[in-house]
Amino acid sequence: MGRPSSLDLRERVIPACEAGEESQAAIARGFPVSETAVSCWSGLAREDGRREPKAHGRGLPSVLDEADGAVLTALVGQRNDATLEE
């Protein structure tokens, strides 16, 4: 997944949607975004009043605790030339 689009771009796309003078497809062609992005951004602005991207979710937490991490680090330190097949 790519990085979120800039707030500046969103601030130009959303008012174009709110003006209602063009279709979302026409607005998407006028900016470097997809029709889906135009639809999502305008929907979020209309429903939640939010124009900025969501904060990054930071992914899944590690399944290793501190002790497991220490064991893994020690194993790699002992034999750090293993190949993927090994």
C-alpha atoms as a PDB file:
ATOM      1  CA  MET A   1       0.000   0.000   0.000  1.00  0.00           C
ATOM      2  CA  GLY A   2       1.296   3.424  -0.885  1.00  0.00           C
ATOM      3  CA  ARG A   3       1.611   6.527   1.179  1.00  0.00           C
ATOM      4  CA  PRO A   4      -1.494   8.654   1.727  1.00  0.00           C
ATOM      5  CA  SER A   5      -2.039  11.512  -0.670  1.00  0.00           C
ATOM      6  CA  SER A   6      -1.159  14.982   0.530  1.00  0.00           C
ATOM      7  CA  LEU A   7      -3.630  17.074   2.464  1.00  0.00           C
ATOM      8  CA  ASP A   8      -3.127  19.804  -0.148  1.00  0.00           C
ATOM      9  CA  LEU A   9      -4.409  17.503  -2.896  1.00  0.00           C
ATOM     10  CA  ARG A  10      -7.396  16.457  -0.805  1.00  0.00           C
ATOM     11  CA  GLU A  11      -8.144  20.121  -0.059  1.00  0.00           C
ATOM     12  CA  ARG A  12      -8.409  20.763  -3.797  1.00  0.00           C
ATOM     13  CA  VAL A  13     -10.389  17.625  -4.711  1.00  0.00           C
ATOM     14  CA  ILE A  14     -13.042  17.777  -1.978  1.00  0.00           C
ATOM     15  CA  PRO A  15     -14.255  21.331  -2.753  1.00  0.00           C
ATOM     16  CA  ALA A  16     -14.519  20.370  -6.413  1.00  0.00           C
ATOM     17  CA  CYS A  17     -16.863  17.550  -5.367  1.00  0.00           C
ATOM     18  CA  GLU A  18     -18.809  19.791  -3.016  1.00  0.00           C
ATOM     19  CA  ALA A  19     -19.349  22.328  -5.792  1.00  0.00           C
ATOM     20  CA  GLY A  20     -21.211  19.647  -7.738  1.00  0.00           C
ATOM     21  CA  GLU A  21     -20.315  21.129 -11.112  1.00  0.00           C
ATOM     22  CA  GLU A  22     -18.545  17.999 -12.388  1.00  0.00           C
ATOM     23  CA  SER A  23     -18.894  14.258 -11.926  1.00  0.00           C
ATOM     24  CA  GLN A  24     -16.433  12.401  -9.717  1.00  0.00           C
ATOM     25  CA  ALA A  25     -14.972  10.812 -12.850  1.00  0.00           C
ATOM     26  CA  ALA A  26     -14.320  14.243 -14.369  1.00  0.00           C
ATOM     27  CA  ILE A  27     -12.758  15.481 -11.131  1.00  0.00           C
ATOM     28  CA  ALA A  28     -10.491  12.413 -10.991  1.00  0.00           C
ATOM     29  CA  ARG A  29      -9.321  13.091 -14.540  1.00  0.00           C
ATOM     30  CA  GLY A  30      -8.441  16.669 -13.543  1.00  0.00           C
ATOM     31  CA  PHE A  31      -6.263  15.574 -10.646  1.00  0.00           C
ATOM     32  CA  PRO A  32      -3.730  12.727 -10.376  1.00  0.00           C
ATOM     33  CA  VAL A  33      -6.148  10.492  -8.413  1.00  0.00           C
ATOM     34  CA  SER A  34      -8.542   7.628  -9.064  1.00  0.00           C
ATOM     35  CA  GLU A  35     -12.322   7.865  -9.064  1.00  0.00           C
ATOM     36  CA  THR A  36     -12.299   5.661  -5.962  1.00  0.00           C
ATOM     37  CA  ALA A  37     -10.116   8.167  -4.097  1.00  0.00           C
ATOM     38  CA  VAL A  38     -12.433  11.025  -5.071  1.00  0.00           C
ATOM     39  CA  SER A  39     -15.432   9.033  -3.888  1.00  0.00           C
ATOM     40  CA  CYS A  40     -13.795   8.040  -0.577  1.00  0.00           C
ATOM     41  CA  TRP A  41     -12.497  11.497   0.226  1.00  0.00           C
ATOM     42  CA  SER A  42     -15.767  13.241  -0.550  1.00  0.00           C
ATOM     43  CA  GLY A  43     -17.727  10.636   1.434  1.00  0.00           C
ATOM     44  CA  LEU A  44     -15.477  10.997   4.487  1.00  0.00           C
ATOM     45  CA  ALA A  45     -15.685  14.775   4.307  1.00  0.00           C
ATOM     46  CA  ARG A  46     -19.481  14.643   4.026  1.00  0.00           C
ATOM     47  CA  GLU A  47     -20.058  12.033   6.768  1.00  0.00           C
ATOM     48  CA  ASP A  48     -17.280  12.730   9.290  1.00  0.00           C
ATOM     49  CA  GLY A  49     -16.047  16.171   8.280  1.00  0.00           C
ATOM     50  CA  ARG A  50     -12.578  14.649   8.044  1.00  0.00           C
ATOM     51  CA  ARG A  51     -10.268  15.707   5.240  1.00  0.00           C
ATOM     52  CA  GLU A  52      -6.911  14.413   6.484  1.00  0.00           C
ATOM     53  CA  PRO A  53      -5.736  10.814   6.045  1.00  0.00           C
ATOM     54  CA  LYS A  54      -6.103   8.319   8.866  1.00  0.00           C
ATOM     55  CA  ALA A  55      -3.101   7.739  11.083  1.00  0.00           C
ATOM     56  CA  HIS A  56      -0.926   4.776  10.157  1.00  0.00           C
ATOM     57  CA  GLY A  57      -2.050   1.585  11.904  1.00  0.00           C
ATOM     58  CA  ARG A  58       1.521   0.474  12.689  1.00  0.00           C
ATOM     59  CA  GLY A  59       0.865  -3.128  11.608  1.00  0.00           C
ATOM     60  CA  LEU A  60       0.535  -6.190  13.760  1.00  0.00           C
ATOM     61  CA  PRO A  61       2.332  -6.454  17.085  1.00  0.00           C
ATOM     62  CA  SER A  62       5.245  -8.844  17.306  1.00  0.00           C
ATOM     63  CA  VAL A  63       4.488 -12.384  18.460  1.00  0.00           C
ATOM     64  CA  LEU A  64       7.925 -12.501  20.098  1.00  0.00           C
ATOM     65  CA  ASP A  65       8.373 -11.294  23.630  1.00  0.00           C
ATOM     66  CA  GLU A  66      11.634  -9.860  24.932  1.00  0.00           C
ATOM     67  CA  ALA A  67      13.061 -13.291  25.843  1.00  0.00           C
ATOM     68  CA  ASP A  68      12.196 -14.729  22.422  1.00  0.00           C
ATOM     69  CA  GLY A  69      13.855 -11.763  20.753  1.00  0.00           C
ATOM     70  CA  ALA A  70      17.027 -12.333  22.772  1.00  0.00           C
ATOM     71  CA  VAL A  71      17.105 -16.023  21.756  1.00  0.00           C
ATOM     72  CA  LEU A  72      16.612 -15.130  18.105  1.00  0.00           C
ATOM     73  CA  THR A  73      19.345 -12.500  18.263  1.00  0.00           C
ATOM     74  CA  ALA A  74      21.721 -15.029  19.841  1.00  0.00           C
ATOM     75  CA  LEU A  75      20.951 -17.649  17.181  1.00  0.00           C
ATOM     76  CA  VAL A  76      21.556 -15.184  14.365  1.00  0.00           C
ATOM     77  CA  GLY A  77      24.786 -14.082  16.045  1.00  0.00           C
ATOM     78  CA  GLN A  78      26.018 -17.671  16.165  1.00  0.00           C
ATOM     79  CA  ARG A  79      25.138 -18.519  12.600  1.00  0.00           C
ATOM     80  CA  ASN A  80      24.395 -15.497  10.473  1.00  0.00           C
ATOM     81  CA  ASP A  81      25.316 -17.087   7.136  1.00  0.00           C
ATOM     82  CA  ALA A  82      22.254 -19.339   6.809  1.00  0.00           C
ATOM     83  CA  THR A  83      20.432 -19.271   3.494  1.00  0.00           C
ATOM     84  CA  LEU A  84      16.665 -19.201   3.031  1.00  0.00           C
ATOM     85  CA  GLU A  85      16.656 -22.903   2.190  1.00  0.00           C
ATOM     86  CA  GLU A  86      18.396 -23.740   5.469  1.00  0.00           C
END
